[in-house]
Amino acid sequence: MKSAKLIAVGTAIVLSLSATSAMAAGDVKKGAKVFKKCKACHTVEQGGKNKVGPNLFGIVGKEAAKVEGFKYSKAMKNSGLTWDEATLDSYLKKPRKFLKGTKMSFAGLKKEKDRKNIIAYLNTLK
């Protein structure tokens, strides 16, 4: 009887943890909508041109300042950053606070859900 209760409790914990992580993940469709704020400065098509900011195709998991043909700030070149989900989240919240000297003039995305959604969207671009 005790083992049945332990199994039930363990199953409940696993299910709640998986539901929490699923809820923590962003929504790709909503992220595409949020990305409209970025389109004035960035493209996302494979082989797309750089604008005021670099093309962001395949950016998730990539080292910072590695998009060919884009002139990065010294701060970005020397940052040693890799654009994983945590780094993107911190950067997108307040770019200039996160990386002093960045050229990115965008103020940031205050809402955590917007950042998670846009990261989910960027993660599909591979």
N, C-alpha and C. Protein backbone atom coordinates (compact mmCIF):
# COMPACT_ATOMS: atom_id res chain seq x y z
N MET A 1 0.82 -1.20 0.00
CA MET A 1 0.00 0.00 0.00
C MET A 1 0.86 1.27 0.00
N LYS A 2 1.96 1.24 0.80
CA LYS A 2 2.84 2.40 0.85
C LYS A 2 3.49 2.65 -0.50
N SER A 3 3.89 1.58 -1.18
CA SER A 3 4.54 1.76 -2.47
C SER A 3 3.56 2.32 -3.51
N ALA A 4 2.30 1.96 -3.43
CA ALA A 4 1.29 2.50 -4.34
C ALA A 4 1.14 4.01 -4.13
N LYS A 5 1.16 4.44 -2.86
CA LYS A 5 1.06 5.88 -2.56
C LYS A 5 2.30 6.61 -3.05
N LEU A 6 3.47 6.00 -2.86
CA LEU A 6 4.71 6.62 -3.34
C LEU A 6 4.71 6.77 -4.85
N ILE A 7 4.24 5.74 -5.53
CA ILE A 7 4.16 5.79 -6.99
C ILE A 7 3.20 6.89 -7.42
N ALA A 8 2.06 6.99 -6.74
CA ALA A 8 1.08 8.02 -7.09
C ALA A 8 1.64 9.41 -6.86
N VAL A 9 2.32 9.61 -5.73
CA VAL A 9 2.91 10.91 -5.42
C VAL A 9 4.02 11.23 -6.43
N GLY A 10 4.86 10.24 -6.72
CA GLY A 10 5.93 10.44 -7.70
C GLY A 10 5.40 10.80 -9.07
N THR A 11 4.34 10.11 -9.48
CA THR A 11 3.71 10.40 -10.77
C THR A 11 3.15 11.81 -10.79
N ALA A 12 2.51 12.21 -9.70
CA ALA A 12 1.94 13.56 -9.61
C ALA A 12 3.03 14.62 -9.71
N ILE A 13 4.16 14.37 -9.05
CA ILE A 13 5.26 15.32 -9.11
C ILE A 13 5.82 15.43 -10.53
N VAL A 14 6.04 14.30 -11.16
CA VAL A 14 6.56 14.30 -12.54
C VAL A 14 5.61 15.03 -13.47
N LEU A 15 4.32 14.77 -13.34
CA LEU A 15 3.33 15.43 -14.21
C LEU A 15 3.30 16.93 -13.97
N SER A 16 3.38 17.35 -12.72
CA SER A 16 3.33 18.78 -12.44
C SER A 16 4.59 19.48 -12.94
N LEU A 17 5.74 18.81 -12.82
CA LEU A 17 6.97 19.39 -13.34
C LEU A 17 6.95 19.50 -14.85
N SER A 18 6.44 18.49 -15.52
CA SER A 18 6.40 18.55 -16.98
C SER A 18 5.39 19.60 -17.44
N ALA A 19 4.30 19.76 -16.73
CA ALA A 19 3.32 20.79 -17.08
C ALA A 19 3.92 22.17 -16.87
N THR A 20 4.70 22.35 -15.80
CA THR A 20 5.34 23.63 -15.53
C THR A 20 6.33 23.97 -16.62
N SER A 21 7.16 23.01 -17.02
CA SER A 21 8.14 23.31 -18.06
C SER A 21 7.46 23.55 -19.40
N ALA A 22 6.35 22.87 -19.67
CA ALA A 22 5.62 23.12 -20.91
C ALA A 22 5.03 24.52 -20.90
N MET A 23 4.55 24.95 -19.74
CA MET A 23 3.99 26.29 -19.65
C MET A 23 5.09 27.34 -19.75
N ALA A 24 6.31 26.99 -19.29
CA ALA A 24 7.41 27.94 -19.33
C ALA A 24 7.89 28.16 -20.76
N ALA A 25 7.68 27.18 -21.63
CA ALA A 25 8.10 27.32 -23.03
C ALA A 25 7.24 28.36 -23.72
N GLY A 26 7.81 29.01 -24.70
CA GLY A 26 7.08 30.04 -25.40
C GLY A 26 6.20 29.49 -26.51
N ASP A 27 5.36 30.35 -27.03
CA ASP A 27 4.44 30.05 -28.12
C ASP A 27 5.03 30.62 -29.41
N VAL A 28 5.32 29.74 -30.36
CA VAL A 28 5.98 30.15 -31.61
C VAL A 28 5.14 31.16 -32.39
N LYS A 29 3.84 30.93 -32.51
CA LYS A 29 2.98 31.84 -33.27
C LYS A 29 2.94 33.23 -32.62
N LYS A 30 2.84 33.25 -31.31
CA LYS A 30 2.85 34.54 -30.61
C LYS A 30 4.21 35.20 -30.74
N GLY A 31 5.27 34.39 -30.74
CA GLY A 31 6.62 34.92 -30.92
C GLY A 31 6.81 35.58 -32.27
N ALA A 32 6.20 34.99 -33.31
CA ALA A 32 6.27 35.59 -34.65
C ALA A 32 5.60 36.96 -34.65
N LYS A 33 4.51 37.08 -33.90
CA LYS A 33 3.83 38.38 -33.79
C LYS A 33 4.70 39.39 -33.05
N VAL A 34 5.30 38.95 -31.94
CA VAL A 34 6.17 39.85 -31.17
C VAL A 34 7.36 40.27 -32.01
N PHE A 35 7.85 39.37 -32.86
CA PHE A 35 9.01 39.68 -33.69
C PHE A 35 8.76 40.84 -34.65
N LYS A 36 7.52 41.15 -34.91
CA LYS A 36 7.22 42.30 -35.79
C LYS A 36 7.87 43.57 -35.27
N LYS A 37 8.08 43.64 -33.95
CA LYS A 37 8.76 44.80 -33.36
C LYS A 37 10.23 44.85 -33.79
N CYS A 38 10.77 43.73 -34.18
CA CYS A 38 12.19 43.61 -34.51
C CYS A 38 12.47 43.76 -36.00
N LYS A 39 11.43 43.64 -36.83
CA LYS A 39 11.60 43.59 -38.28
C LYS A 39 12.17 44.87 -38.89
N ALA A 40 12.04 45.98 -38.20
CA ALA A 40 12.61 47.21 -38.73
C ALA A 40 14.14 47.13 -38.79
N CYS A 41 14.72 46.31 -37.91
CA CYS A 41 16.18 46.23 -37.82
C CYS A 41 16.77 44.86 -38.16
N HIS A 42 15.96 43.80 -38.14
CA HIS A 42 16.47 42.44 -38.34
C HIS A 42 15.67 41.67 -39.37
N THR A 43 16.36 40.80 -40.10
CA THR A 43 15.70 39.82 -40.97
C THR A 43 15.91 38.45 -40.34
N VAL A 44 15.10 37.48 -40.77
CA VAL A 44 15.22 36.13 -40.20
C VAL A 44 15.27 35.04 -41.27
N GLU A 45 15.29 35.41 -42.53
CA GLU A 45 15.33 34.42 -43.60
C GLU A 45 16.75 33.87 -43.73
N GLN A 46 16.87 32.59 -44.05
CA GLN A 46 18.18 32.00 -44.26
C GLN A 46 18.87 32.76 -45.39
N GLY A 47 20.06 33.25 -45.12
CA GLY A 47 20.80 34.03 -46.10
C GLY A 47 20.29 35.45 -46.24
N GLY A 48 19.37 35.85 -45.38
CA GLY A 48 18.80 37.20 -45.44
C GLY A 48 19.84 38.28 -45.17
N LYS A 49 19.52 39.47 -45.64
CA LYS A 49 20.49 40.56 -45.50
C LYS A 49 20.51 41.10 -44.07
N ASN A 50 21.60 41.74 -43.75
CA ASN A 50 21.72 42.47 -42.50
C ASN A 50 21.09 43.84 -42.72
N LYS A 51 20.48 44.35 -41.69
CA LYS A 51 19.91 45.69 -41.75
C LYS A 51 20.66 46.52 -40.71
N VAL A 52 19.95 47.28 -39.92
CA VAL A 52 20.57 48.02 -38.82
C VAL A 52 21.16 47.01 -37.83
N GLY A 53 20.48 45.87 -37.71
CA GLY A 53 20.97 44.76 -36.89
C GLY A 53 21.24 43.56 -37.79
N PRO A 54 21.91 42.54 -37.26
CA PRO A 54 22.25 41.38 -38.08
C PRO A 54 21.05 40.49 -38.38
N ASN A 55 21.17 39.70 -39.42
CA ASN A 55 20.18 38.66 -39.71
C ASN A 55 20.20 37.67 -38.55
N LEU A 56 19.03 37.24 -38.12
CA LEU A 56 18.93 36.39 -36.93
C LEU A 56 18.61 34.93 -37.23
N PHE A 57 18.68 34.52 -38.49
CA PHE A 57 18.43 33.12 -38.82
C PHE A 57 19.49 32.25 -38.14
N GLY A 58 19.05 31.25 -37.40
CA GLY A 58 19.96 30.32 -36.74
C GLY A 58 20.71 30.90 -35.55
N ILE A 59 20.22 31.99 -34.99
CA ILE A 59 20.94 32.69 -33.92
C ILE A 59 20.98 31.89 -32.61
N VAL A 60 19.93 31.11 -32.31
CA VAL A 60 19.88 30.37 -31.04
C VAL A 60 20.97 29.31 -31.04
N GLY A 61 21.83 29.38 -30.05
CA GLY A 61 22.95 28.46 -29.92
C GLY A 61 24.24 28.94 -30.57
N LYS A 62 24.17 30.07 -31.25
CA LYS A 62 25.33 30.60 -31.98
C LYS A 62 26.12 31.57 -31.09
N GLU A 63 27.42 31.64 -31.33
CA GLU A 63 28.24 32.62 -30.63
C GLU A 63 27.86 34.02 -31.10
N ALA A 64 27.93 34.98 -30.19
CA ALA A 64 27.62 36.37 -30.52
C ALA A 64 28.66 36.93 -31.48
N ALA A 65 28.23 37.89 -32.28
CA ALA A 65 29.09 38.64 -33.20
C ALA A 65 29.69 37.77 -34.30
N LYS A 66 28.92 36.79 -34.78
CA LYS A 66 29.44 35.87 -35.80
C LYS A 66 28.67 35.93 -37.12
N VAL A 67 27.69 36.81 -37.26
CA VAL A 67 26.97 36.92 -38.53
C VAL A 67 27.87 37.66 -39.51
N GLU A 68 28.15 37.00 -40.60
CA GLU A 68 29.06 37.53 -41.60
C GLU A 68 28.52 38.83 -42.21
N GLY A 69 29.40 39.79 -42.35
CA GLY A 69 29.03 41.04 -43.02
C GLY A 69 28.40 42.08 -42.13
N PHE A 70 28.22 41.79 -40.85
CA PHE A 70 27.64 42.79 -39.95
C PHE A 70 28.75 43.39 -39.10
N LYS A 71 28.71 44.72 -38.95
CA LYS A 71 29.71 45.42 -38.16
C LYS A 71 29.21 45.54 -36.71
N TYR A 72 29.76 44.72 -35.85
CA TYR A 72 29.38 44.68 -34.44
C TYR A 72 30.13 45.72 -33.61
N SER A 73 29.54 46.07 -32.48
CA SER A 73 30.22 46.93 -31.51
C SER A 73 31.39 46.16 -30.89
N LYS A 74 32.35 46.88 -30.35
CA LYS A 74 33.46 46.25 -29.65
C LYS A 74 32.94 45.42 -28.49
N ALA A 75 31.94 45.95 -27.81
CA ALA A 75 31.37 45.25 -26.65
C ALA A 75 30.84 43.88 -27.07
N MET A 76 30.14 43.83 -28.19
CA MET A 76 29.57 42.55 -28.65
C MET A 76 30.68 41.62 -29.12
N LYS A 77 31.64 42.15 -29.86
CA LYS A 77 32.74 41.32 -30.35
C LYS A 77 33.51 40.67 -29.21
N ASN A 78 33.66 41.41 -28.12
CA ASN A 78 34.46 40.94 -26.99
C ASN A 78 33.63 40.28 -25.90
N SER A 79 32.34 40.10 -26.13
CA SER A 79 31.44 39.63 -25.07
C SER A 79 31.64 38.16 -24.70
N GLY A 80 32.02 37.33 -25.66
CA GLY A 80 32.13 35.90 -25.39
C GLY A 80 30.79 35.21 -25.17
N LEU A 81 29.70 35.89 -25.55
CA LEU A 81 28.36 35.34 -25.34
C LEU A 81 28.03 34.25 -26.35
N THR A 82 27.20 33.34 -25.93
CA THR A 82 26.54 32.39 -26.81
C THR A 82 25.05 32.61 -26.64
N TRP A 83 24.33 32.70 -27.73
CA TRP A 83 22.90 33.02 -27.68
C TRP A 83 22.05 31.81 -27.33
N ASP A 84 22.19 31.34 -26.09
CA ASP A 84 21.28 30.30 -25.60
C ASP A 84 20.03 30.99 -25.08
N GLU A 85 19.05 30.22 -24.67
CA GLU A 85 17.77 30.80 -24.28
C GLU A 85 17.89 31.74 -23.08
N ALA A 86 18.71 31.39 -22.10
CA ALA A 86 18.87 32.23 -20.92
C ALA A 86 19.54 33.56 -21.28
N THR A 87 20.56 33.51 -22.12
CA THR A 87 21.26 34.73 -22.52
C THR A 87 20.35 35.62 -23.35
N LEU A 88 19.62 35.02 -24.28
CA LEU A 88 18.67 35.81 -25.08
C LEU A 88 17.62 36.46 -24.20
N ASP A 89 17.11 35.73 -23.22
CA ASP A 89 16.10 36.28 -22.32
C ASP A 89 16.65 37.50 -21.59
N SER A 90 17.83 37.38 -21.03
CA SER A 90 18.44 38.51 -20.31
C SER A 90 18.72 39.69 -21.23
N TYR A 91 19.24 39.40 -22.41
CA TYR A 91 19.57 40.46 -23.36
C TYR A 91 18.31 41.17 -23.85
N LEU A 92 17.30 40.40 -24.19
CA LEU A 92 16.07 41.00 -24.73
C LEU A 92 15.29 41.78 -23.69
N LYS A 93 15.53 41.51 -22.43
CA LYS A 93 14.84 42.26 -21.37
C LYS A 93 15.29 43.72 -21.38
N LYS A 94 16.60 43.95 -21.37
CA LYS A 94 17.17 45.30 -21.42
C LYS A 94 18.56 45.20 -22.05
N PRO A 95 18.62 45.26 -23.37
CA PRO A 95 19.90 45.05 -24.06
C PRO A 95 21.05 45.93 -23.56
N ARG A 96 20.81 47.20 -23.39
CA ARG A 96 21.90 48.11 -23.02
C ARG A 96 22.35 47.93 -21.58
N LYS A 97 21.45 47.47 -20.74
CA LYS A 97 21.84 47.18 -19.35
C LYS A 97 22.62 45.86 -19.30
N PHE A 98 22.19 44.88 -20.10
CA PHE A 98 22.84 43.58 -20.11
C PHE A 98 24.25 43.65 -20.68
N LEU A 99 24.42 44.41 -21.76
CA LEU A 99 25.73 44.51 -22.41
C LEU A 99 26.05 45.98 -22.68
N LYS A 100 26.78 46.56 -21.77
CA LYS A 100 27.17 47.97 -21.92
C LYS A 100 27.97 48.13 -23.20
N GLY A 101 27.57 49.09 -24.03
CA GLY A 101 28.28 49.36 -25.27
C GLY A 101 27.69 48.68 -26.49
N THR A 102 26.58 47.95 -26.32
CA THR A 102 25.95 47.33 -27.47
C THR A 102 25.38 48.43 -28.38
N LYS A 103 25.31 48.14 -29.67
CA LYS A 103 24.73 49.10 -30.62
C LYS A 103 23.20 49.00 -30.66
N MET A 104 22.65 47.96 -30.07
CA MET A 104 21.20 47.75 -30.15
C MET A 104 20.49 48.86 -29.38
N SER A 105 19.67 49.62 -30.08
CA SER A 105 18.99 50.75 -29.47
C SER A 105 17.61 50.39 -28.92
N PHE A 106 17.12 49.19 -29.20
CA PHE A 106 15.81 48.75 -28.72
C PHE A 106 15.80 48.73 -27.20
N ALA A 107 14.74 49.27 -26.59
CA ALA A 107 14.67 49.37 -25.13
C ALA A 107 14.54 48.01 -24.45
N GLY A 108 13.92 47.06 -25.12
CA GLY A 108 13.77 45.73 -24.53
C GLY A 108 12.32 45.30 -24.44
N LEU A 109 12.14 44.05 -24.06
CA LEU A 109 10.80 43.47 -23.89
C LEU A 109 10.58 43.24 -22.40
N LYS A 110 9.69 44.03 -21.81
CA LYS A 110 9.45 43.94 -20.37
C LYS A 110 8.77 42.64 -19.97
N LYS A 111 7.83 42.18 -20.80
CA LYS A 111 7.04 41.01 -20.44
C LYS A 111 7.81 39.72 -20.69
N GLU A 112 7.92 38.91 -19.64
CA GLU A 112 8.62 37.64 -19.74
C GLU A 112 8.00 36.75 -20.81
N LYS A 113 6.67 36.75 -20.89
CA LYS A 113 6.00 35.90 -21.88
C LYS A 113 6.37 36.32 -23.30
N ASP A 114 6.52 37.61 -23.55
CA ASP A 114 6.93 38.08 -24.88
C ASP A 114 8.33 37.57 -25.21
N ARG A 115 9.23 37.64 -24.21
CA ARG A 115 10.60 37.16 -24.44
C ARG A 115 10.61 35.65 -24.69
N LYS A 116 9.87 34.90 -23.92
CA LYS A 116 9.81 33.44 -24.10
C LYS A 116 9.23 33.11 -25.47
N ASN A 117 8.19 33.85 -25.88
CA ASN A 117 7.57 33.59 -27.18
C ASN A 117 8.52 33.90 -28.33
N ILE A 118 9.23 35.00 -28.24
CA ILE A 118 10.14 35.36 -29.33
C ILE A 118 11.32 34.39 -29.39
N ILE A 119 11.78 33.93 -28.25
CA ILE A 119 12.86 32.94 -28.22
C ILE A 119 12.38 31.62 -28.83
N ALA A 120 11.15 31.24 -28.53
CA ALA A 120 10.58 30.02 -29.13
C ALA A 120 10.53 30.18 -30.66
N TYR A 121 10.14 31.35 -31.13
CA TYR A 121 10.09 31.63 -32.55
C TYR A 121 11.49 31.56 -33.17
N LEU A 122 12.45 32.24 -32.56
CA LEU A 122 13.81 32.24 -33.08
C LEU A 122 14.39 30.82 -33.10
N ASN A 123 13.97 30.02 -32.15
CA ASN A 123 14.47 28.65 -32.06
C ASN A 123 14.00 27.78 -33.21
N THR A 124 12.98 28.20 -33.92
CA THR A 124 12.48 27.44 -35.08
C THR A 124 13.26 27.76 -36.35
N LEU A 125 14.05 28.79 -36.31
CA LEU A 125 14.76 29.27 -37.50
C LEU A 125 16.14 28.63 -37.59
N LYS A 126 16.16 27.41 -38.14
CA LYS A 126 17.42 26.66 -38.21
C LYS A 126 17.60 26.08 -39.59
